[in-house]
Amino acid sequence: MGIIITGHGRFEAARRNIPEGLIKSVIENPQQKLFSKKGRIILQNKYHDETEGQEMLLRVIGIESSNEFKVITAYKTSKIDKYWVKGG
């Protein structure tokens, strides 16, 4: 599957200090795949953030087609319980 990071997605990732490689690893091997109300796909993984010194959740929001995933935005949060779907 091809990965396209939009200009906005690239800008937000840089602003939030999220490495592009980390975004790609979530897309290639997501721990959870959710569907948003706007028809977008949310891929998310828990990981240990060295800068923050704690477990974080990286959420990658995009549009998926049969052969590519287009990243609209990505963000990390420490509020894992708010977004993590139990049993999902």
PDB file of N, CA and C in Angstrom:
ATOM      1  N   MET A   1       0.850  -1.184   0.000  1.00  0.00           N
ATOM      2  CA  MET A   1       0.000   0.000   0.000  1.00  0.00           C
ATOM      3  C   MET A   1       0.889   1.238   0.000  1.00  0.00           C
ATOM      4  N   GLY A   2       0.572   2.172  -0.880  1.00  0.00           N
ATOM      5  CA  GLY A   2       1.303   3.424  -0.922  1.00  0.00           C
ATOM      6  C   GLY A   2       0.852   4.360   0.189  1.00  0.00           C
ATOM      7  N   ILE A   3       1.762   5.206   0.626  1.00  0.00           N
ATOM      8  CA  ILE A   3       1.459   6.178   1.673  1.00  0.00           C
ATOM      9  C   ILE A   3       1.723   7.570   1.120  1.00  0.00           C
ATOM     10  N   ILE A   4       0.706   8.419   1.199  1.00  0.00           N
ATOM     11  CA  ILE A   4       0.827   9.811   0.776  1.00  0.00           C
ATOM     12  C   ILE A   4       0.561  10.681   1.997  1.00  0.00           C
ATOM     13  N   ILE A   5       1.498  11.570   2.294  1.00  0.00           N
ATOM     14  CA  ILE A   5       1.293  12.516   3.393  1.00  0.00           C
ATOM     15  C   ILE A   5       1.022  13.874   2.759  1.00  0.00           C
ATOM     16  N   THR A   6      -0.166  14.404   3.006  1.00  0.00           N
ATOM     17  CA  THR A   6      -0.547  15.695   2.427  1.00  0.00           C
ATOM     18  C   THR A   6       0.323  16.812   2.997  1.00  0.00           C
ATOM     19  N   GLY A   7       0.289  17.956   2.359  1.00  0.00           N
ATOM     20  CA  GLY A   7       1.027  19.107   2.862  1.00  0.00           C
ATOM     21  C   GLY A   7       0.611  19.462   4.277  1.00  0.00           C
ATOM     22  N   HIS A   8      -0.701  19.438   4.520  1.00  0.00           N
ATOM     23  CA  HIS A   8      -1.204  19.734   5.863  1.00  0.00           C
ATOM     24  C   HIS A   8      -0.716  18.680   6.857  1.00  0.00           C
ATOM     25  N   GLY A   9      -0.775  17.415   6.456  1.00  0.00           N
ATOM     26  CA  GLY A   9      -0.315  16.336   7.331  1.00  0.00           C
ATOM     27  C   GLY A   9       1.158  16.473   7.669  1.00  0.00           C
ATOM     28  N   ARG A  10       1.963  16.827   6.674  1.00  0.00           N
ATOM     29  CA  ARG A  10       3.403  17.015   6.884  1.00  0.00           C
ATOM     30  C   ARG A  10       3.664  18.203   7.815  1.00  0.00           C
ATOM     31  N   PHE A  11       2.920  19.295   7.606  1.00  0.00           N
ATOM     32  CA  PHE A  11       3.065  20.486   8.442  1.00  0.00           C
ATOM     33  C   PHE A  11       2.726  20.174   9.898  1.00  0.00           C
ATOM     34  N   GLU A  12       1.583  19.509  10.113  1.00  0.00           N
ATOM     35  CA  GLU A  12       1.150  19.204  11.482  1.00  0.00           C
ATOM     36  C   GLU A  12       2.093  18.217  12.167  1.00  0.00           C
ATOM     37  N   ALA A  13       2.581  17.238  11.433  1.00  0.00           N
ATOM     38  CA  ALA A  13       3.524  16.278  12.017  1.00  0.00           C
ATOM     39  C   ALA A  13       4.801  16.991  12.456  1.00  0.00           C
ATOM     40  N   ALA A  14       5.314  17.884  11.631  1.00  0.00           N
ATOM     41  CA  ALA A  14       6.525  18.631  11.975  1.00  0.00           C
ATOM     42  C   ALA A  14       6.273  19.533  13.176  1.00  0.00           C
ATOM     43  N   ARG A  15       5.138  20.208  13.177  1.00  0.00           N
ATOM     44  CA  ARG A  15       4.796  21.117  14.278  1.00  0.00           C
ATOM     45  C   ARG A  15       4.670  20.363  15.601  1.00  0.00           C
ATOM     46  N   ARG A  16       4.206  19.128  15.528  1.00  0.00           N
ATOM     47  CA  ARG A  16       3.987  18.316  16.732  1.00  0.00           C
ATOM     48  C   ARG A  16       5.159  17.376  17.029  1.00  0.00           C
ATOM     49  N   ASN A  17       6.247  17.550  16.300  1.00  0.00           N
ATOM     50  CA  ASN A  17       7.455  16.731  16.494  1.00  0.00           C
ATOM     51  C   ASN A  17       7.185  15.237  16.371  1.00  0.00           C
ATOM     52  N   ILE A  18       6.447  14.855  15.340  1.00  0.00           N
ATOM     53  CA  ILE A  18       6.153  13.449  15.076  1.00  0.00           C
ATOM     54  C   ILE A  18       6.967  13.031  13.851  1.00  0.00           C
ATOM     55  N   PRO A  19       7.913  12.107  14.032  1.00  0.00           N
ATOM     56  CA  PRO A  19       8.722  11.663  12.886  1.00  0.00           C
ATOM     57  C   PRO A  19       7.873  10.964  11.821  1.00  0.00           C
ATOM     58  N   GLU A  20       8.198  11.224  10.569  1.00  0.00           N
ATOM     59  CA  GLU A  20       7.466  10.620   9.457  1.00  0.00           C
ATOM     60  C   GLU A  20       7.550   9.088   9.511  1.00  0.00           C
ATOM     61  N   GLY A  21       8.682   8.570   9.958  1.00  0.00           N
ATOM     62  CA  GLY A  21       8.847   7.121  10.079  1.00  0.00           C
ATOM     63  C   GLY A  21       7.878   6.507  11.067  1.00  0.00           C
ATOM     64  N   LEU A  22       7.571   7.231  12.135  1.00  0.00           N
ATOM     65  CA  LEU A  22       6.615   6.745  13.134  1.00  0.00           C
ATOM     66  C   LEU A  22       5.203   6.717  12.540  1.00  0.00           C
ATOM     67  N   ILE A  23       4.866   7.721  11.769  1.00  0.00           N
ATOM     68  CA  ILE A  23       3.562   7.754  11.093  1.00  0.00           C
ATOM     69  C   ILE A  23       3.437   6.565  10.143  1.00  0.00           C
ATOM     70  N   LYS A  24       4.479   6.319   9.371  1.00  0.00           N
ATOM     71  CA  LYS A  24       4.453   5.200   8.422  1.00  0.00           C
ATOM     72  C   LYS A  24       4.339   3.861   9.135  1.00  0.00           C
ATOM     73  N   SER A  25       4.997   3.719  10.293  1.00  0.00           N
ATOM     74  CA  SER A  25       4.919   2.442  11.016  1.00  0.00           C
ATOM     75  C   SER A  25       3.508   2.186  11.545  1.00  0.00           C
ATOM     76  N   VAL A  26       2.797   3.248  11.944  1.00  0.00           N
ATOM     77  CA  VAL A  26       1.408   3.092  12.394  1.00  0.00           C
ATOM     78  C   VAL A  26       0.525   2.670  11.218  1.00  0.00           C
ATOM     79  N   ILE A  27       0.745   3.270  10.059  1.00  0.00           N
ATOM     80  CA  ILE A  27      -0.054   2.930   8.876  1.00  0.00           C
ATOM     81  C   ILE A  27       0.195   1.482   8.457  1.00  0.00           C
ATOM     82  N   GLU A  28       1.441   1.068   8.490  1.00  0.00           N
ATOM     83  CA  GLU A  28       1.798  -0.285   8.054  1.00  0.00           C
ATOM     84  C   GLU A  28       1.383  -1.361   9.045  1.00  0.00           C
ATOM     85  N   ASN A  29       1.310  -1.019  10.339  1.00  0.00           N
ATOM     86  CA  ASN A  29       0.988  -2.013  11.358  1.00  0.00           C
ATOM     87  C   ASN A  29       0.190  -1.374  12.499  1.00  0.00           C
ATOM     88  N   PRO A  30      -1.057  -0.958  12.241  1.00  0.00           N
ATOM     89  CA  PRO A  30      -1.848  -0.297  13.296  1.00  0.00           C
ATOM     90  C   PRO A  30      -2.311  -1.277  14.370  1.00  0.00           C
ATOM     91  N   GLN A  31      -2.301  -0.802  15.615  1.00  0.00           N
ATOM     92  CA  GLN A  31      -2.844  -1.606  16.712  1.00  0.00           C
ATOM     93  C   GLN A  31      -4.366  -1.519  16.722  1.00  0.00           C
ATOM     94  N   GLN A  32      -4.902  -0.376  16.287  1.00  0.00           N
ATOM     95  CA  GLN A  32      -6.353  -0.219  16.166  1.00  0.00           C
ATOM     96  C   GLN A  32      -6.681   0.568  14.901  1.00  0.00           C
ATOM     97  N   LYS A  33      -7.788   0.182  14.289  1.00  0.00           N
ATOM     98  CA  LYS A  33      -8.296   0.880  13.105  1.00  0.00           C
ATOM     99  C   LYS A  33      -9.746   1.239  13.394  1.00  0.00           C
ATOM    100  N   LEU A  34     -10.026   2.543  13.392  1.00  0.00           N
ATOM    101  CA  LEU A  34     -11.358   3.040  13.717  1.00  0.00           C
ATOM    102  C   LEU A  34     -11.899   3.840  12.537  1.00  0.00           C
ATOM    103  N   PHE A  35     -13.202   4.030  12.533  1.00  0.00           N
ATOM    104  CA  PHE A  35     -13.855   4.793  11.473  1.00  0.00           C
ATOM    105  C   PHE A  35     -14.482   6.036  12.081  1.00  0.00           C
ATOM    106  N   SER A  36     -14.198   7.197  11.482  1.00  0.00           N
ATOM    107  CA  SER A  36     -14.742   8.452  12.004  1.00  0.00           C
ATOM    108  C   SER A  36     -16.087   8.755  11.362  1.00  0.00           C
ATOM    109  N   LYS A  37     -16.775   9.729  11.935  1.00  0.00           N
ATOM    110  CA  LYS A  37     -18.079  10.141  11.417  1.00  0.00           C
ATOM    111  C   LYS A  37     -17.969  10.784  10.038  1.00  0.00           C
ATOM    112  N   LYS A  38     -16.807  11.350   9.734  1.00  0.00           N
ATOM    113  CA  LYS A  38     -16.610  12.021   8.446  1.00  0.00           C
ATOM    114  C   LYS A  38     -16.141  11.058   7.358  1.00  0.00           C
ATOM    115  N   GLY A  39     -16.168   9.765   7.642  1.00  0.00           N
ATOM    116  CA  GLY A  39     -15.754   8.785   6.653  1.00  0.00           C
ATOM    117  C   GLY A  39     -14.252   8.595   6.557  1.00  0.00           C
ATOM    118  N   ARG A  40     -13.538   9.134   7.507  1.00  0.00           N
ATOM    119  CA  ARG A  40     -12.090   8.976   7.522  1.00  0.00           C
ATOM    120  C   ARG A  40     -11.707   7.773   8.371  1.00  0.00           C
ATOM    121  N   ILE A  41     -10.477   7.329   8.192  1.00  0.00           N
ATOM    122  CA  ILE A  41      -9.942   6.203   8.941  1.00  0.00           C
ATOM    123  C   ILE A  41      -8.991   6.752   9.998  1.00  0.00           C
ATOM    124  N   ILE A  42      -9.080   6.215  11.208  1.00  0.00           N
ATOM    125  CA  ILE A  42      -8.166   6.580  12.284  1.00  0.00           C
ATOM    126  C   ILE A  42      -7.358   5.335  12.626  1.00  0.00           C
ATOM    127  N   LEU A  43      -6.054   5.417  12.426  1.00  0.00           N
ATOM    128  CA  LEU A  43      -5.147   4.342  12.794  1.00  0.00           C
ATOM    129  C   LEU A  43      -4.391   4.806  14.025  1.00  0.00           C
ATOM    130  N   GLN A  44      -4.262   3.942  15.023  1.00  0.00           N
ATOM    131  CA  GLN A  44      -3.591   4.383  16.240  1.00  0.00           C
ATOM    132  C   GLN A  44      -2.764   3.275  16.868  1.00  0.00           C
ATOM    133  N   ASN A  45      -1.666   3.714  17.491  1.00  0.00           N
ATOM    134  CA  ASN A  45      -0.750   2.826  18.202  1.00  0.00           C
ATOM    135  C   ASN A  45      -0.313   3.477  19.502  1.00  0.00           C
ATOM    136  N   LYS A  46      -0.133   2.648  20.517  1.00  0.00           N
ATOM    137  CA  LYS A  46       0.513   3.079  21.751  1.00  0.00           C
ATOM    138  C   LYS A  46       2.016   2.926  21.539  1.00  0.00           C
ATOM    139  N   TYR A  47       2.783   3.844  22.114  1.00  0.00           N
ATOM    140  CA  TYR A  47       4.240   3.755  22.015  1.00  0.00           C
ATOM    141  C   TYR A  47       4.863   4.545  23.158  1.00  0.00           C
ATOM    142  N   HIS A  48       6.142   4.274  23.428  1.00  0.00           N
ATOM    143  CA  HIS A  48       6.855   5.037  24.455  1.00  0.00           C
ATOM    144  C   HIS A  48       7.553   6.210  23.779  1.00  0.00           C
ATOM    145  N   ASP A  49       7.197   7.410  24.183  1.00  0.00           N
ATOM    146  CA  ASP A  49       7.778   8.626  23.617  1.00  0.00           C
ATOM    147  C   ASP A  49       8.980   9.026  24.468  1.00  0.00           C
ATOM    148  N   GLU A  50      10.165   8.980  23.876  1.00  0.00           N
ATOM    149  CA  GLU A  50      11.395   9.312  24.602  1.00  0.00           C
ATOM    150  C   GLU A  50      11.408  10.773  25.049  1.00  0.00           C
ATOM    151  N   THR A  51      10.906  11.670  24.214  1.00  0.00           N
ATOM    152  CA  THR A  51      10.892  13.095  24.556  1.00  0.00           C
ATOM    153  C   THR A  51       9.982  13.371  25.742  1.00  0.00           C
ATOM    154  N   GLU A  52       8.793  12.779  25.726  1.00  0.00           N
ATOM    155  CA  GLU A  52       7.823  12.980  26.800  1.00  0.00           C
ATOM    156  C   GLU A  52       8.129  12.104  28.010  1.00  0.00           C
ATOM    157  N   GLY A  53       8.863  11.011  27.791  1.00  0.00           N
ATOM    158  CA  GLY A  53       9.212  10.104  28.877  1.00  0.00           C
ATOM    159  C   GLY A  53       8.030   9.301  29.396  1.00  0.00           C
ATOM    160  N   GLN A  54       7.063   9.022  28.526  1.00  0.00           N
ATOM    161  CA  GLN A  54       5.877   8.276  28.952  1.00  0.00           C
ATOM    162  C   GLN A  54       5.218   7.590  27.762  1.00  0.00           C
ATOM    163  N   GLU A  55       4.269   6.711  28.080  1.00  0.00           N
ATOM    164  CA  GLU A  55       3.512   6.059  27.023  1.00  0.00           C
ATOM    165  C   GLU A  55       2.556   7.077  26.405  1.00  0.00           C
ATOM    166  N   MET A  56       2.503   7.074  25.081  1.00  0.00           N
ATOM    167  CA  MET A  56       1.655   8.004  24.345  1.00  0.00           C
ATOM    168  C   MET A  56       0.841   7.216  23.327  1.00  0.00           C
ATOM    169  N   LEU A  57      -0.132   7.884  22.764  1.00  0.00           N
ATOM    170  CA  LEU A  57      -0.942   7.317  21.694  1.00  0.00           C
ATOM    171  C   LEU A  57      -0.739   8.188  20.462  1.00  0.00           C
ATOM    172  N   LEU A  58      -0.355   7.569  19.353  1.00  0.00           N
ATOM    173  CA  LEU A  58      -0.240   8.295  18.093  1.00  0.00           C
ATOM    174  C   LEU A  58      -1.446   7.948  17.245  1.00  0.00           C
ATOM    175  N   ARG A  59      -2.178   8.982  16.831  1.00  0.00           N
ATOM    176  CA  ARG A  59      -3.368   8.809  15.989  1.00  0.00           C
ATOM    177  C   ARG A  59      -3.076   9.405  14.613  1.00  0.00           C
ATOM    178  N   VAL A  60      -3.283   8.607  13.590  1.00  0.00           N
ATOM    179  CA  VAL A  60      -3.073   9.037  12.211  1.00  0.00           C
ATOM    180  C   VAL A  60      -4.434   9.010  11.527  1.00  0.00           C
ATOM    181  N   ILE A  61      -4.868  10.170  11.046  1.00  0.00           N
ATOM    182  CA  ILE A  61      -6.185  10.291  10.425  1.00  0.00           C
ATOM    183  C   ILE A  61      -5.990  10.458   8.920  1.00  0.00           C
ATOM    184  N   GLY A  62      -6.752   9.675   8.158  1.00  0.00           N
ATOM    185  CA  GLY A  62      -6.592   9.758   6.717  1.00  0.00           C
ATOM    186  C   GLY A  62      -7.732   9.127   5.950  1.00  0.00           C
ATOM    187  N   ILE A  63      -7.500   9.003   4.657  1.00  0.00           N
ATOM    188  CA  ILE A  63      -8.459   8.401   3.735  1.00  0.00           C
ATOM    189  C   ILE A  63      -7.765   7.200   3.095  1.00  0.00           C
ATOM    190  N   GLU A  64      -8.458   6.064   3.131  1.00  0.00           N
ATOM    191  CA  GLU A  64      -7.877   4.836   2.604  1.00  0.00           C
ATOM    192  C   GLU A  64      -8.593   4.410   1.325  1.00  0.00           C
ATOM    193  N   SER A  65      -7.800   4.049   0.330  1.00  0.00           N
ATOM    194  CA  SER A  65      -8.354   3.452  -0.888  1.00  0.00           C
ATOM    195  C   SER A  65      -7.747   2.057  -1.016  1.00  0.00           C
ATOM    196  N   SER A  66      -8.035   1.385  -2.100  1.00  0.00           N
ATOM    197  CA  SER A  66      -7.546   0.015  -2.254  1.00  0.00           C
ATOM    198  C   SER A  66      -6.027  -0.075  -2.361  1.00  0.00           C
ATOM    199  N   ASN A  67      -5.376   0.995  -2.805  1.00  0.00           N
ATOM    200  CA  ASN A  67      -3.930   0.916  -2.996  1.00  0.00           C
ATOM    201  C   ASN A  67      -3.114   1.991  -2.284  1.00  0.00           C
ATOM    202  N   GLU A  68      -3.766   2.885  -1.519  1.00  0.00           N
ATOM    203  CA  GLU A  68      -2.992   3.912  -0.817  1.00  0.00           C
ATOM    204  C   GLU A  68      -3.718   4.429   0.419  1.00  0.00           C
ATOM    205  N   PHE A  69      -2.923   5.013   1.316  1.00  0.00           N
ATOM    206  CA  PHE A  69      -3.459   5.688   2.491  1.00  0.00           C
ATOM    207  C   PHE A  69      -2.966   7.120   2.435  1.00  0.00           C
ATOM    208  N   LYS A  70      -3.903   8.079   2.417  1.00  0.00           N
ATOM    209  CA  LYS A  70      -3.560   9.501   2.359  1.00  0.00           C
ATOM    210  C   LYS A  70      -3.703  10.093   3.756  1.00  0.00           C
ATOM    211  N   VAL A  71      -2.579  10.548   4.330  1.00  0.00           N
ATOM    212  CA  VAL A  71      -2.563  11.112   5.676  1.00  0.00           C
ATOM    213  C   VAL A  71      -3.053  12.552   5.630  1.00  0.00           C
ATOM    214  N   ILE A  72      -4.107  12.817   6.391  1.00  0.00           N
ATOM    215  CA  ILE A  72      -4.632  14.175   6.498  1.00  0.00           C
ATOM    216  C   ILE A  72      -3.962  14.896   7.661  1.00  0.00           C
ATOM    217  N   THR A  73      -3.853  14.209   8.797  1.00  0.00           N
ATOM    218  CA  THR A  73      -3.181  14.777   9.957  1.00  0.00           C
ATOM    219  C   THR A  73      -2.767  13.652  10.892  1.00  0.00           C
ATOM    220  N   ALA A  74      -1.941  13.998  11.863  1.00  0.00           N
ATOM    221  CA  ALA A  74      -1.514  13.048  12.886  1.00  0.00           C
ATOM    222  C   ALA A  74      -1.253  13.832  14.163  1.00  0.00           C
ATOM    223  N   TYR A  75      -1.548  13.199  15.282  1.00  0.00           N
ATOM    224  CA  TYR A  75      -1.224  13.832  16.556  1.00  0.00           C
ATOM    225  C   TYR A  75      -0.985  12.773  17.610  1.00  0.00           C
ATOM    226  N   LYS A  76      -0.236  13.182  18.640  1.00  0.00           N
ATOM    227  CA  LYS A  76       0.026  12.286  19.755  1.00  0.00           C
ATOM    228  C   LYS A  76      -0.639  12.852  20.998  1.00  0.00           C
ATOM    229  N   THR A  77      -1.031  11.942  21.882  1.00  0.00           N
ATOM    230  CA  THR A  77      -1.701  12.352  23.106  1.00  0.00           C
ATOM    231  C   THR A  77      -1.336  11.405  24.240  1.00  0.00           C
ATOM    232  N   SER A  78      -1.344  11.927  25.447  1.00  0.00           N
ATOM    233  CA  SER A  78      -1.131  11.084  26.632  1.00  0.00           C
ATOM    234  C   SER A  78      -2.467  10.562  27.164  1.00  0.00           C
ATOM    235  N   LYS A  79      -3.574  11.045  26.606  1.00  0.00           N
ATOM    236  CA  LYS A  79      -4.912  10.643  27.069  1.00  0.00           C
ATOM    237  C   LYS A  79      -5.358   9.365  26.351  1.00  0.00           C
ATOM    238  N   ILE A  80      -4.618   8.303  26.610  1.00  0.00           N
ATOM    239  CA  ILE A  80      -4.861   7.034  25.927  1.00  0.00           C
ATOM    240  C   ILE A  80      -6.261   6.508  26.214  1.00  0.00           C
ATOM    241  N   ASP A  81      -6.694   6.552  27.464  1.00  0.00           N
ATOM    242  CA  ASP A  81      -8.007   6.007  27.835  1.00  0.00           C
ATOM    243  C   ASP A  81      -9.159   6.704  27.112  1.00  0.00           C
ATOM    244  N   LYS A  82      -8.965   7.962  26.736  1.00  0.00           N
ATOM    245  CA  LYS A  82     -10.018   8.712  26.045  1.00  0.00           C
ATOM    246  C   LYS A  82     -10.266   8.163  24.638  1.00  0.00           C
ATOM    247  N   TYR A  83      -9.216   7.693  23.972  1.00  0.00           N
ATOM    248  CA  TYR A  83      -9.312   7.302  22.569  1.00  0.00           C
ATOM    249  C   TYR A  83      -9.201   5.803  22.307  1.00  0.00           C
ATOM    250  N   TRP A  84      -8.606   5.058  23.244  1.00  0.00           N
ATOM    251  CA  TRP A  84      -8.379   3.632  23.023  1.00  0.00           C
ATOM    252  C   TRP A  84      -9.685   2.866  23.194  1.00  0.00           C
ATOM    253  N   VAL A  85     -10.027   2.057  22.215  1.00  0.00           N
ATOM    254  CA  VAL A  85     -11.255   1.266  22.264  1.00  0.00           C
ATOM    255  C   VAL A  85     -10.929  -0.059  22.945  1.00  0.00           C
ATOM    256  N   LYS A  86     -11.530  -0.282  24.096  1.00  0.00           N
ATOM    257  CA  LYS A  86     -11.285  -1.514  24.853  1.00  0.00           C
ATOM    258  C   LYS A  86     -11.772  -2.709  24.050  1.00  0.00           C
ATOM    259  N   GLY A  87     -10.941  -3.729  23.984  1.00  0.00           N
ATOM    260  CA  GLY A  87     -11.300  -4.925  23.238  1.00  0.00           C
ATOM    261  C   GLY A  87     -11.216  -4.748  21.734  1.00  0.00           C
ATOM    262  N   GLY A  88     -10.656  -3.604  21.305  1.00  0.00           N
ATOM    263  CA  GLY A  88     -10.618  -3.320  19.870  1.00  0.00           C
ATOM    264  C   GLY A  88      -9.333  -3.495  19.272  1.00  0.00           C
TER     265      GLY A  88
END
